[in-house]
Protein backbone atom coordinates (compact mmCIF):
# COMPACT_ATOMS: atom_id res chain seq x y z
CA UNK A 1 3.33 8.36 -14.21
CA UNK A 2 1.13 8.41 -11.12
CA UNK A 3 0.03 4.85 -10.34
CA UNK A 4 -3.26 4.25 -8.55
CA UNK A 5 -4.60 0.95 -7.21
CA UNK A 6 -8.22 0.31 -8.16
CA UNK A 7 -10.37 -2.80 -8.49
CA UNK A 8 -14.14 -3.01 -9.16
CA UNK A 9 -14.47 -5.11 -6.00
CA UNK A 10 -13.73 -1.97 -3.97
CA UNK A 11 -17.37 -0.91 -4.46
CA UNK A 12 -18.86 -3.67 -2.31
CA UNK A 13 -22.67 -3.99 -2.29
CA UNK A 14 -24.31 -2.91 0.95
CA UNK A 15 -27.90 -2.65 2.13
CA UNK A 16 -29.67 0.55 1.11
CA UNK A 17 -29.22 3.22 3.75
CA UNK A 18 -25.92 1.89 5.10
CA UNK A 19 -23.91 4.81 6.46
CA UNK A 20 -20.69 3.81 4.68
CA UNK A 21 -20.55 5.59 1.28
CA UNK A 22 -19.19 2.65 -0.71
CA UNK A 23 -20.16 4.24 -4.04
CA UNK A 24 -17.27 6.71 -3.71
CA UNK A 25 -14.86 4.00 -4.83
CA UNK A 26 -16.64 3.82 -8.17
CA UNK A 27 -17.25 7.54 -8.58
CA UNK A 28 -13.74 8.72 -7.71
CA UNK A 29 -11.85 7.10 -10.62
CA UNK A 30 -14.68 8.12 -12.95
CA UNK A 31 -14.33 11.72 -11.85
CA UNK A 32 -10.54 11.74 -12.19
CA UNK A 33 -10.75 10.39 -15.74
CA UNK A 34 -13.68 12.62 -16.71
CA UNK A 35 -11.89 15.82 -15.69
CA UNK A 36 -8.57 14.76 -17.24
CA UNK A 37 -6.58 14.49 -14.02
CA UNK A 38 -5.95 10.83 -14.84
CA UNK A 39 -6.24 8.45 -17.77
CA UNK A 40 -7.05 4.72 -17.60
CA UNK A 41 -3.31 4.08 -17.80
CA UNK A 42 -2.82 5.61 -14.36
CA UNK A 43 -4.80 2.79 -12.74
CA UNK A 44 -3.58 -0.72 -11.99
CA UNK A 45 -5.65 -3.64 -10.73
CA UNK A 46 -4.40 -5.38 -7.58
CA UNK A 47 -5.07 -9.05 -6.88
CA UNK A 48 -5.08 -11.57 -4.02
CA UNK A 49 -1.70 -11.30 -2.25
CA UNK A 50 0.37 -14.02 -0.64
CA UNK A 51 -0.97 -14.77 2.83
CA UNK A 52 2.53 -14.47 4.29
CA UNK A 53 2.43 -10.68 3.95
CA UNK A 54 -0.90 -10.48 5.79
CA UNK A 55 0.06 -12.76 8.69
CA UNK A 56 3.29 -10.76 9.08
CA UNK A 57 0.97 -8.10 10.59
CA UNK A 58 -2.14 -9.96 11.68
CA UNK A 59 -2.40 -12.83 14.14
CA UNK A 60 -2.70 -16.01 12.02
CA UNK A 61 -5.62 -17.31 14.05
CA UNK A 62 -7.56 -14.10 13.49
CA UNK A 63 -6.62 -13.95 9.82
CA UNK A 64 -7.66 -17.51 9.02
CA UNK A 65 -10.86 -17.15 11.05
CA UNK A 66 -11.60 -14.10 8.91
CA UNK A 67 -10.75 -15.98 5.74
CA UNK A 68 -13.04 -18.87 6.71
CA UNK A 69 -15.81 -16.57 8.03
CA UNK A 70 -15.42 -17.95 11.54
CA UNK A 71 -15.18 -14.62 13.37
CA UNK A 72 -17.45 -14.79 16.47
CA UNK A 73 -20.70 -12.87 16.00
CA UNK A 74 -19.94 -10.32 18.72
CA UNK A 75 -16.57 -9.46 17.12
CA UNK A 76 -17.98 -9.49 13.60
CA UNK A 77 -20.63 -6.92 14.61
CA UNK A 78 -17.88 -4.44 15.50
CA UNK A 79 -16.66 -4.50 11.90
CA UNK A 80 -19.88 -2.90 10.70
CA UNK A 81 -20.18 -4.83 7.42
CA UNK A 82 -21.96 -8.18 6.94
CA UNK A 83 -19.13 -10.71 6.60
CA UNK A 84 -18.93 -12.58 3.30
CA UNK A 85 -16.32 -14.23 1.09
CA UNK A 86 -16.49 -11.28 -1.29
CA UNK A 87 -15.93 -8.76 1.50
CA UNK A 88 -12.85 -10.61 2.76
CA UNK A 89 -11.55 -10.93 -0.80
CA UNK A 90 -12.02 -7.17 -1.15
CA UNK A 91 -9.94 -6.53 1.98
CA UNK A 92 -7.12 -8.73 0.74
CA UNK A 93 -7.13 -7.03 -2.66
CA UNK A 94 -7.04 -3.58 -1.02
CA UNK A 95 -3.98 -4.68 0.96
CA UNK A 96 -2.33 -5.85 -2.24
CA UNK A 97 -3.10 -2.50 -3.83
CA UNK A 98 -1.22 -0.75 -1.06
CA UNK A 99 1.73 -3.14 -1.23
CA UNK A 100 2.06 -2.70 -4.98
CA UNK A 101 1.63 1.06 -4.58
CA UNK A 102 4.61 0.99 -2.21
CA UNK A 103 6.80 -0.34 -5.01
CA UNK A 104 5.51 2.26 -7.45
CA UNK A 105 6.17 4.96 -4.87
CA UNK A 106 9.76 3.80 -4.55
CA UNK A 107 10.12 4.32 -8.31
CA UNK A 108 8.01 7.44 -8.86
CA UNK A 109 8.05 9.18 -5.47
CA UNK A 110 4.33 8.69 -4.88
CA UNK A 111 1.55 6.16 -5.50
CA UNK A 112 -2.05 5.93 -4.37
CA UNK A 113 -4.79 3.51 -3.45
CA UNK A 114 -8.39 4.52 -4.25
CA UNK A 115 -9.38 2.61 -1.09
CA UNK A 116 -7.46 1.60 2.05
CA UNK A 117 -6.62 3.51 5.17
CA UNK A 118 -8.06 0.68 7.26
CA UNK A 119 -6.42 1.90 10.46
CA UNK A 120 -8.95 0.44 12.91
CA UNK A 121 -7.79 -3.10 12.11
CA UNK A 122 -5.74 -4.41 15.04
CA UNK A 123 -3.29 -7.28 14.89
CA UNK A 124 -5.96 -9.68 16.20
CA UNK A 125 -9.33 -8.10 15.42
CA UNK A 126 -11.22 -5.76 13.15
CA UNK A 127 -13.61 -2.91 13.87
CA UNK A 128 -15.21 0.18 12.34
CA UNK A 129 -15.22 -0.94 8.68
CA UNK A 130 -11.62 -2.23 8.92
CA UNK A 131 -10.46 -5.87 8.88
CA UNK A 132 -6.91 -5.85 7.50
CA UNK A 133 -4.64 -2.87 8.12
CA UNK A 134 -3.41 -2.08 4.61
CA UNK A 135 -0.74 0.48 5.49
CA UNK A 136 0.66 -1.64 8.33
CA UNK A 137 0.85 -4.52 5.84
CA UNK A 138 2.58 -2.18 3.39
CA UNK A 139 5.13 -1.15 6.02
CA UNK A 140 6.01 -4.74 6.86
CA UNK A 141 6.15 -5.57 3.16
CA UNK A 142 8.71 -2.84 2.52
CA UNK A 143 10.82 -3.98 5.45
CA UNK A 144 10.67 -7.62 4.36
CA UNK A 145 12.04 -6.56 0.97
CA UNK A 146 14.72 -4.36 2.61
CA UNK A 147 13.26 -1.37 0.79
CA UNK A 148 12.86 0.80 3.90
CA UNK A 149 14.18 0.92 7.44
CA UNK A 150 12.62 3.86 9.27
CA UNK A 151 8.97 4.37 8.31
CA UNK A 152 6.60 7.19 9.24
CA UNK A 153 2.83 6.77 9.18
CA UNK A 154 0.98 10.09 8.96
CA UNK A 155 -2.65 9.44 9.85
CA UNK A 156 -4.83 12.51 9.33
CA UNK A 157 -8.22 10.81 9.38
CA UNK A 158 -10.58 12.40 11.91
CA UNK A 159 -10.53 9.12 13.87
CA UNK A 160 -7.42 7.97 15.72
CA UNK A 161 -5.48 5.17 14.05
CA UNK A 162 -5.94 2.87 17.02
CA UNK A 163 -5.25 -0.38 15.20
CA UNK A 164 -2.06 0.98 13.64
CA UNK A 165 -0.89 2.24 17.05
CA UNK A 166 -1.43 -1.21 18.59
CA UNK A 167 0.36 -3.05 15.79
CA UNK A 168 3.52 -0.94 16.04
CA UNK A 169 3.46 -0.11 19.77
CA UNK A 170 6.77 -1.90 20.44
CA UNK A 171 8.44 -1.21 17.10
CA UNK A 172 10.68 1.89 16.91
CA UNK A 173 11.25 1.31 13.18
CA UNK A 174 7.67 2.43 12.43
CA UNK A 175 6.65 5.80 13.89
CA UNK A 176 2.90 6.30 14.18
CA UNK A 177 1.57 9.88 14.11
CA UNK A 178 -2.17 10.44 14.41
CA UNK A 179 -3.87 13.85 14.42
CA UNK A 180 -7.58 13.42 15.06
CA UNK A 181 -10.67 14.70 16.82
CA UNK A 182 -10.43 14.35 20.59
CA UNK A 183 -14.14 13.60 20.87
CA UNK A 184 -14.32 11.19 17.97
CA UNK A 185 -14.41 7.41 17.82
CA UNK A 186 -12.55 5.48 19.13
CA UNK A 187 -13.53 6.74 22.56
CA UNK A 188 -10.90 4.53 24.17
CA UNK A 189 -7.75 5.60 22.35
CA UNK A 190 -4.58 3.59 21.91
CA UNK A 191 -1.19 5.27 22.28
CA UNK A 192 0.53 6.24 19.04
CA UNK A 193 4.13 7.43 19.01
CA UNK A 194 2.59 10.87 18.64
CA UNK A 195 -1.07 11.72 19.13
CA UNK A 196 -2.54 15.18 18.63
CA UNK A 197 -6.16 15.29 19.74
CA UNK A 198 -7.98 18.35 18.43
CA UNK A 199 -10.93 20.02 20.11
CA UNK A 200 -14.39 19.99 18.59
CA UNK A 201 -14.84 22.63 15.90
CA UNK A 202 -11.12 23.03 15.06
CA UNK A 203 -10.89 25.24 11.96
CA UNK A 204 -8.52 25.44 8.98
CA UNK A 205 -6.10 27.88 10.58
CA UNK A 206 -5.69 25.96 13.84
CA UNK A 207 -5.43 22.62 12.11
CA UNK A 208 -2.90 23.65 9.48
CA UNK A 209 -0.70 25.48 12.01
CA UNK A 210 -0.52 22.40 14.22
CA UNK A 211 0.22 20.13 11.27
CA UNK A 212 2.87 22.38 9.76
CA UNK A 213 4.92 22.64 12.95
CA UNK A 214 4.59 18.95 13.83
CA UNK A 215 5.34 17.63 10.37
CA UNK A 216 8.48 19.75 9.98
CA UNK A 217 9.78 18.55 13.33
CA UNK A 218 9.02 14.89 12.68
CA UNK A 219 10.65 14.86 9.27
CA UNK A 220 13.77 16.55 10.62
CA UNK A 221 14.08 14.22 13.61
CA UNK A 222 13.10 10.90 12.06
CA UNK A 223 14.48 11.24 8.54
CA UNK A 224 12.20 8.42 7.37
CA UNK A 225 12.95 6.26 4.35
CA UNK A 226 9.26 5.96 3.49
CA UNK A 227 5.97 7.63 4.45
CA UNK A 228 2.44 6.30 4.53
CA UNK A 229 -0.18 9.02 4.35
CA UNK A 230 -3.75 8.32 5.41
CA UNK A 231 -5.68 11.25 3.97
CA UNK A 232 -9.23 10.81 5.27
CA UNK A 233 -11.64 13.58 4.31
CA UNK A 234 -13.82 13.14 7.40
CA UNK A 235 -12.14 16.25 8.84
CA UNK A 236 -14.62 18.35 6.82
CA UNK A 237 -17.16 20.50 8.62
CA UNK A 238 -19.93 18.65 6.74
CA UNK A 239 -18.92 15.18 7.92
CA UNK A 240 -21.58 13.17 9.75
CA UNK A 241 -19.06 11.21 11.84
CA UNK A 242 -16.47 13.93 12.44
CA UNK A 243 -16.14 16.73 14.99
CA UNK A 244 -13.69 19.03 13.18
CA UNK A 245 -14.64 22.02 11.04
CA UNK A 246 -12.30 22.19 8.08
CA UNK A 247 -13.41 23.63 4.77
CA UNK A 248 -12.84 21.89 1.46
CA UNK A 249 -9.96 24.30 0.83
CA UNK A 250 -8.49 23.60 4.27
CA UNK A 251 -8.55 19.89 3.51
CA UNK A 252 -6.82 20.55 0.20
CA UNK A 253 -4.14 22.64 1.90
CA UNK A 254 -3.55 19.80 4.36
CA UNK A 255 -2.81 17.43 1.48
CA UNK A 256 -0.66 20.04 -0.21
CA UNK A 257 1.42 20.52 2.93
CA UNK A 258 2.06 16.80 3.35
CA UNK A 259 2.77 16.01 -0.30
CA UNK A 260 4.98 19.04 -0.88
CA UNK A 261 7.00 18.13 2.24
CA UNK A 262 7.50 14.56 1.00
CA UNK A 263 8.42 15.76 -2.48
CA UNK A 264 10.86 18.40 -1.27
CA UNK A 265 12.72 15.87 0.88
CA UNK A 266 12.43 13.13 -1.77
CA UNK A 267 10.79 10.70 0.64
CA UNK A 268 8.56 8.17 -1.17
CA UNK A 269 4.93 8.30 -0.03
CA UNK A 270 1.99 5.93 -0.40
CA UNK A 271 -1.49 7.41 0.05
CA UNK A 272 -4.63 5.57 1.14
CA UNK A 273 -7.92 7.44 1.16
CA UNK A 274 -9.43 6.66 4.57
CA UNK A 275 -12.82 7.95 5.70
CA UNK A 276 -15.33 10.50 4.52
CA UNK A 277 -19.00 10.64 5.52
CA UNK A 278 -20.42 13.95 4.33
CA UNK A 279 -24.11 13.60 3.39
CA UNK A 280 -23.42 14.89 -0.13
CA UNK A 281 -21.38 12.27 -2.00
CA UNK A 282 -20.16 15.00 -4.37
CA UNK A 283 -18.37 16.68 -1.45
CA UNK A 284 -16.59 13.44 -0.55
CA UNK A 285 -15.50 12.78 -4.13
CA UNK A 286 -14.32 16.38 -4.59
CA UNK A 287 -12.25 16.29 -1.40
CA UNK A 288 -10.63 12.98 -2.37
CA UNK A 289 -10.09 14.20 -5.94
CA UNK A 290 -8.05 17.12 -4.63
CA UNK A 291 -5.48 14.67 -3.25
CA UNK A 292 -4.97 13.11 -6.68
CA UNK A 293 -4.89 16.49 -8.41
CA UNK A 294 -2.17 17.64 -6.05
CA UNK A 295 -0.17 14.45 -6.56
CA UNK A 296 -0.21 15.02 -10.32
CA UNK A 297 0.64 18.72 -9.97
CA UNK A 298 3.47 18.31 -7.45
CA UNK A 299 5.12 15.17 -8.77
CA UNK A 300 4.39 14.99 -12.50
């Protein structure tokens, strides 16, 4: 059975007009259940994890400042959300969802988190709606349990996974691959193990050709024990914060390519949703829903 991390705290209250579409975290599970892709039994509720797994990735001083709401104002502004106890609790629960999804993926081949993909969280700071890097925490969690040695992070959000790149910059056991818009935030990029920066207006054909060739090569060379897939839908041509021009079908084919590759090679994969900022919330939910539909179709 496909297992999906979800908690009501994911839909965090924000001021009206905030550009982050928080409501998608409530609408997405509703849509998946309504259409019959999932049942309530597919979902599990994560909780507050042990701090030791979070400080295995994040600088303890930064983490406990975050926990105690002592982040300096200038740094807190870069996060983009008003800091609160509930917001920090939400971040910790999202990280737990990804860690638990890792274990389910080891058993079932795949598991998902309705939220997550917080790849702009560095070891010692947060930015751009990200405070704790859930997939980096998941990678360290797997290694601490001796469940995986070589790990591959496939980050296909339109924005470079700068925080993830920084966290694993000196660690050959975790390979970071980011394919993103060249002209997108962050404008000062970090260095991933492999970065592919795509020109403005890149279409389905160009995007999928680049991904297909790169993914096949990486999987053959690395032979990873586990894959993290960040499947942001801000690559769509309708996205307010993206510079690429993929159609809804192109985005679906991207997910299909990644998930079929993982399934064929029997490499467990954990998926976190990442970004999506199309003006029409229905477009965001539909694009994310495709990822879950494909997971059910390919694996179950």
